[in-house]
Protein backbone atom coordinates (compact mmCIF):
# COMPACT_ATOMS: atom_id res chain seq x y z
CA UNK A 1 135.87 -142.97 -58.02
CA UNK A 2 137.02 -143.44 -60.96
CA UNK A 3 139.15 -146.88 -61.72
CA UNK A 4 140.68 -148.41 -64.35
CA UNK A 5 143.14 -151.10 -65.37
CA UNK A 6 144.75 -152.57 -68.26
CA UNK A 7 142.91 -155.68 -69.07
CA UNK A 8 144.93 -159.04 -69.74
CA UNK A 9 143.81 -159.58 -73.08
CA UNK A 10 146.01 -156.46 -74.29
CA UNK A 11 149.22 -157.97 -76.57
CA UNK A 12 151.27 -154.51 -76.18
CA UNK A 13 152.01 -152.25 -72.89
CA UNK A 14 154.33 -149.42 -73.97
CA UNK A 15 154.61 -147.68 -77.04
CA UNK A 16 151.23 -149.25 -78.46
CA UNK A 17 149.85 -148.42 -82.49
CA UNK A 18 146.17 -149.07 -81.36
CA UNK A 19 144.61 -148.34 -77.52
CA UNK A 20 141.27 -149.33 -76.70
CA UNK A 21 139.14 -148.09 -74.01
CA UNK A 22 135.77 -149.41 -72.80
CA UNK A 23 133.93 -146.69 -70.73
CA UNK A 24 131.71 -148.77 -68.17
CA UNK A 25 128.44 -147.30 -67.06
CA UNK A 26 126.35 -147.88 -63.49
CA UNK A 27 126.06 -151.45 -61.62
CA UNK A 28 128.90 -152.80 -63.97
CA UNK A 29 131.46 -155.31 -62.87
CA UNK A 30 135.08 -155.78 -63.46
CA UNK A 31 134.92 -158.41 -65.56
CA UNK A 32 131.82 -157.40 -67.87
CA UNK A 33 133.83 -156.03 -71.01
CA UNK A 34 136.38 -158.89 -70.69
CA UNK A 35 134.34 -161.27 -73.54
CA UNK A 36 134.43 -158.11 -75.95
CA UNK A 37 138.06 -157.25 -74.87
CA UNK A 38 139.35 -160.78 -76.57
CA UNK A 39 137.30 -159.88 -79.46
CA UNK A 40 139.85 -157.02 -79.74
CA UNK A 41 143.08 -158.60 -79.40
CA UNK A 42 141.97 -160.96 -81.97
CA UNK A 43 141.29 -158.15 -84.64
CA UNK A 44 143.79 -155.51 -83.70
CA UNK A 45 147.56 -156.72 -83.56
CA UNK A 46 149.44 -155.41 -80.77
CA UNK A 47 146.68 -153.77 -79.34
CA UNK A 48 146.38 -151.77 -75.72
CA UNK A 49 143.02 -152.61 -74.16
CA UNK A 50 142.19 -150.38 -70.91
CA UNK A 51 138.96 -150.79 -68.89
CA UNK A 52 137.93 -147.34 -67.30
CA UNK A 53 135.01 -147.44 -64.91
CA UNK A 54 133.98 -143.50 -64.19
CA UNK A 55 131.41 -144.34 -61.38
CA UNK A 56 133.22 -147.31 -60.17
CA UNK A 57 132.62 -151.28 -59.92
CA UNK A 58 130.40 -153.05 -58.12
CA UNK A 59 132.39 -155.50 -57.23
CA UNK A 60 131.55 -156.35 -53.45
CA UNK A 61 128.36 -154.63 -53.31
CA UNK A 62 125.36 -156.80 -52.68
CA UNK A 63 121.47 -155.59 -50.87
CA UNK A 64 121.58 -152.32 -49.74
CA UNK A 65 125.43 -151.37 -50.41
CA UNK A 66 124.34 -152.09 -54.34
CA UNK A 67 121.20 -149.62 -53.69
CA UNK A 68 123.05 -146.70 -51.89
CA UNK A 69 125.96 -147.13 -55.00
CA UNK A 70 123.28 -147.10 -57.86
CA UNK A 71 121.59 -144.25 -56.39
CA UNK A 72 125.30 -142.20 -56.59
CA UNK A 73 126.11 -143.35 -59.96
CA UNK A 74 122.52 -142.53 -61.15
CA UNK A 75 122.95 -138.93 -59.30
CA UNK A 76 126.30 -138.53 -60.78
CA UNK A 77 124.97 -140.13 -64.79
CA UNK A 78 122.34 -137.31 -64.70
CA UNK A 79 125.10 -134.82 -64.01
CA UNK A 80 127.02 -135.71 -67.22
CA UNK A 81 124.09 -136.17 -69.18
CA UNK A 82 123.23 -132.21 -68.96
CA UNK A 83 126.92 -131.05 -69.12
CA UNK A 84 129.68 -130.81 -71.66
CA UNK A 85 132.59 -131.28 -69.04
CA UNK A 86 132.66 -132.65 -65.59
CA UNK A 87 135.40 -134.51 -63.14
CA UNK A 88 134.80 -137.67 -64.68
CA UNK A 89 135.48 -136.56 -68.38
CA UNK A 90 138.53 -134.97 -67.38
CA UNK A 91 139.87 -137.54 -65.33
CA UNK A 92 139.35 -140.21 -68.38
CA UNK A 93 140.94 -137.71 -70.69
CA UNK A 94 144.20 -137.90 -68.76
CA UNK A 95 143.59 -141.79 -68.46
CA UNK A 96 143.58 -141.67 -71.82
CA UNK A 97 147.07 -139.66 -72.30
CA UNK A 98 148.84 -141.65 -69.86
CA UNK A 99 148.12 -144.86 -71.83
CA UNK A 100 148.27 -143.66 -75.34
CA UNK A 101 150.93 -140.67 -75.94
CA UNK A 102 152.49 -142.61 -78.68
CA UNK A 103 149.49 -144.35 -80.00
CA UNK A 104 148.46 -143.41 -83.53
CA UNK A 105 144.63 -144.62 -83.31
CA UNK A 106 142.23 -144.10 -80.22
CA UNK A 107 138.87 -146.73 -79.99
CA UNK A 108 136.77 -145.01 -77.08
CA UNK A 109 133.80 -147.64 -76.21
CA UNK A 110 131.38 -146.66 -74.04
CA UNK A 111 128.32 -149.07 -72.88
CA UNK A 112 125.31 -147.08 -71.22
CA UNK A 113 126.07 -143.70 -69.35
CA UNK A 114 130.03 -144.48 -70.69
CA UNK A 115 129.46 -143.53 -73.28
CA UNK A 116 128.57 -140.07 -73.01
CA UNK A 117 131.73 -139.93 -71.00
CA UNK A 118 133.57 -141.74 -74.12
CA UNK A 119 132.02 -139.05 -76.05
CA UNK A 120 133.27 -136.49 -74.05
CA UNK A 121 136.86 -137.03 -73.56
CA UNK A 122 137.31 -137.77 -77.10
CA UNK A 123 136.34 -134.07 -77.94
CA UNK A 124 138.15 -132.73 -74.85
CA UNK A 125 140.64 -134.48 -76.07
CA UNK A 126 140.35 -133.06 -79.80
CA UNK A 127 139.65 -129.39 -78.55
CA UNK A 128 142.89 -128.90 -75.24
CA UNK A 129 145.35 -131.67 -77.10
CA UNK A 130 144.81 -131.58 -80.73
CA UNK A 131 144.21 -134.97 -81.07
CA UNK A 132 142.23 -135.71 -83.85
CA UNK A 133 142.05 -139.29 -84.54
CA UNK A 134 139.52 -140.79 -82.15
CA UNK A 135 137.13 -142.94 -83.07
CA UNK A 136 134.16 -143.11 -80.21
CA UNK A 137 131.36 -145.77 -80.45
CA UNK A 138 128.36 -145.20 -78.09
CA UNK A 139 126.77 -148.78 -77.24
CA UNK A 140 122.90 -148.76 -75.35
CA UNK A 141 123.80 -145.36 -74.55
CA UNK A 142 120.97 -142.67 -73.51
CA UNK A 143 120.96 -139.77 -75.99
CA UNK A 144 122.00 -136.27 -74.58
CA UNK A 145 122.50 -133.35 -76.91
CA UNK A 146 125.48 -132.46 -78.97
CA UNK A 147 126.85 -130.06 -81.06
CA UNK A 148 126.85 -129.92 -85.06
CA UNK A 149 130.62 -130.46 -85.22
CA UNK A 150 133.09 -132.48 -87.29
CA UNK A 151 133.66 -134.61 -84.76
CA UNK A 152 130.68 -136.40 -84.90
CA UNK A 153 131.93 -138.08 -88.19
CA UNK A 154 133.73 -139.98 -86.14
CA UNK A 155 131.29 -141.19 -83.49
CA UNK A 156 128.80 -144.13 -84.30
CA UNK A 157 126.07 -144.90 -81.75
CA UNK A 158 124.90 -148.57 -81.82
CA UNK A 159 121.26 -150.63 -80.17
CA UNK A 160 119.76 -153.45 -80.68
CA UNK A 161 116.75 -155.00 -81.95
CA UNK A 162 114.70 -155.23 -78.67
CA UNK A 163 113.42 -152.55 -76.92
CA UNK A 164 116.58 -151.37 -74.69
CA UNK A 165 114.63 -148.09 -72.15
CA UNK A 166 118.45 -147.04 -71.73
CA UNK A 167 118.33 -145.83 -75.42
CA UNK A 168 115.39 -144.23 -75.28
CA UNK A 169 116.29 -141.01 -72.59
CA UNK A 170 117.24 -137.88 -74.44
CA UNK A 171 118.05 -136.84 -77.66
CA UNK A 172 120.35 -135.24 -79.62
CA UNK A 173 118.93 -132.18 -80.22
CA UNK A 174 118.13 -129.73 -78.03
CA UNK A 175 115.01 -127.60 -78.76
CA UNK A 176 115.20 -124.31 -79.83
CA UNK A 177 118.83 -123.57 -79.64
CA UNK A 178 121.36 -123.32 -82.36
CA UNK A 179 124.57 -124.83 -80.64
CA UNK A 180 122.95 -128.29 -79.94
CA UNK A 181 121.93 -129.57 -83.17
CA UNK A 182 124.09 -132.56 -84.15
CA UNK A 183 123.87 -136.10 -84.01
CA UNK A 184 125.82 -139.32 -84.54
CA UNK A 185 128.09 -139.44 -88.02
CA UNK A 186 126.57 -143.27 -87.56
CA UNK A 187 123.62 -144.84 -85.98
CA UNK A 188 123.60 -148.13 -86.36
CA UNK A 189 120.78 -151.05 -85.35
CA UNK A 190 122.26 -154.53 -84.23
CA UNK A 191 120.83 -158.15 -83.72
CA UNK A 192 122.28 -159.25 -80.60
CA UNK A 193 120.37 -162.30 -78.79
CA UNK A 194 116.93 -162.42 -78.78
CA UNK A 195 116.23 -164.31 -75.82
CA UNK A 196 117.17 -161.36 -73.79
CA UNK A 197 114.85 -158.82 -73.21
CA UNK A 198 114.41 -155.50 -70.59
CA UNK A 199 117.27 -154.68 -68.48
CA UNK A 200 119.04 -158.26 -69.26
CA UNK A 201 119.11 -157.10 -72.94
CA UNK A 202 120.80 -154.00 -71.83
CA UNK A 203 123.29 -155.36 -70.10
CA UNK A 204 124.28 -158.27 -72.53
CA UNK A 205 125.15 -156.33 -75.41
CA UNK A 206 129.31 -156.81 -74.45
CA UNK A 207 128.89 -160.30 -72.68
CA UNK A 208 130.19 -163.82 -74.63
CA UNK A 209 126.16 -164.28 -75.04
CA UNK A 210 125.27 -167.42 -77.70
CA UNK A 211 122.69 -167.75 -79.91
CA UNK A 212 121.27 -169.18 -82.90
CA UNK A 213 120.07 -167.44 -85.92
CA UNK A 214 118.12 -167.98 -88.61
CA UNK A 215 120.19 -170.12 -90.44
CA UNK A 216 121.38 -171.86 -87.49
CA UNK A 217 124.68 -170.61 -86.97
CA UNK A 218 126.55 -169.38 -83.52
CA UNK A 219 126.80 -166.18 -82.73
CA UNK A 220 128.04 -164.42 -79.82
CA UNK A 221 126.84 -160.67 -78.35
CA UNK A 222 130.43 -160.02 -77.90
CA UNK A 223 131.49 -161.15 -81.17
CA UNK A 224 128.84 -159.17 -83.19
CA UNK A 225 129.56 -155.88 -81.48
CA UNK A 226 133.12 -156.21 -81.73
CA UNK A 227 132.93 -157.36 -85.57
CA UNK A 228 130.96 -154.31 -86.25
CA UNK A 229 133.44 -152.14 -85.08
CA UNK A 230 136.40 -153.26 -86.64
CA UNK A 231 134.44 -153.15 -89.31
CA UNK A 232 134.19 -149.69 -89.29
CA UNK A 233 137.26 -149.00 -88.28
CA UNK A 234 139.46 -151.95 -89.10
CA UNK A 235 142.94 -152.87 -87.91
CA UNK A 236 146.10 -150.98 -90.65
């Protein structure tokens, strides 16, 4: 079941010029995006920040209940990867419309399978509601078939320097298809905390995870990621 809430980092509640939506993947906890939301608040004046969990939150689960949740979520992700539209996509689009009917800029940021929902929800809004001021960022996301359409120019795919098995799943182009021949407008590889490996690396893109670079400067994953997003889509 899709869950959603407005982040406490929001500086705006109604008639907001900029609305930023974070989309979670599987086994994600309620506070997963708050460090990144804090960075959004620093860069976008009067922004509303909304969290969307298309596959539900992992809060309150442990042991066998966590495994059951993961099994259900993975089945839903498998469905969403192979279809242009699902209940989770239309629900996400409805949530966006509820919060951003007056906005002149929408920024959709998806982590892992949440990137798939973010992309498809933005496209749904363009096709069904003629909303064409959406920027989509998929971070650590599996690849999925995309059409060769102008919408992709506003789609950015972000990965890290360390291997992330999730980003190695799937492909953008469907073999033998004349329809699914697209790709993101931008594909960016960034540096994140090099101490993180494997699943820990995949889970940490949005966290306040601090490390020291070669110049002995302190950096955090959340700051680096949102800074890159702001460079592509600056505040106006």
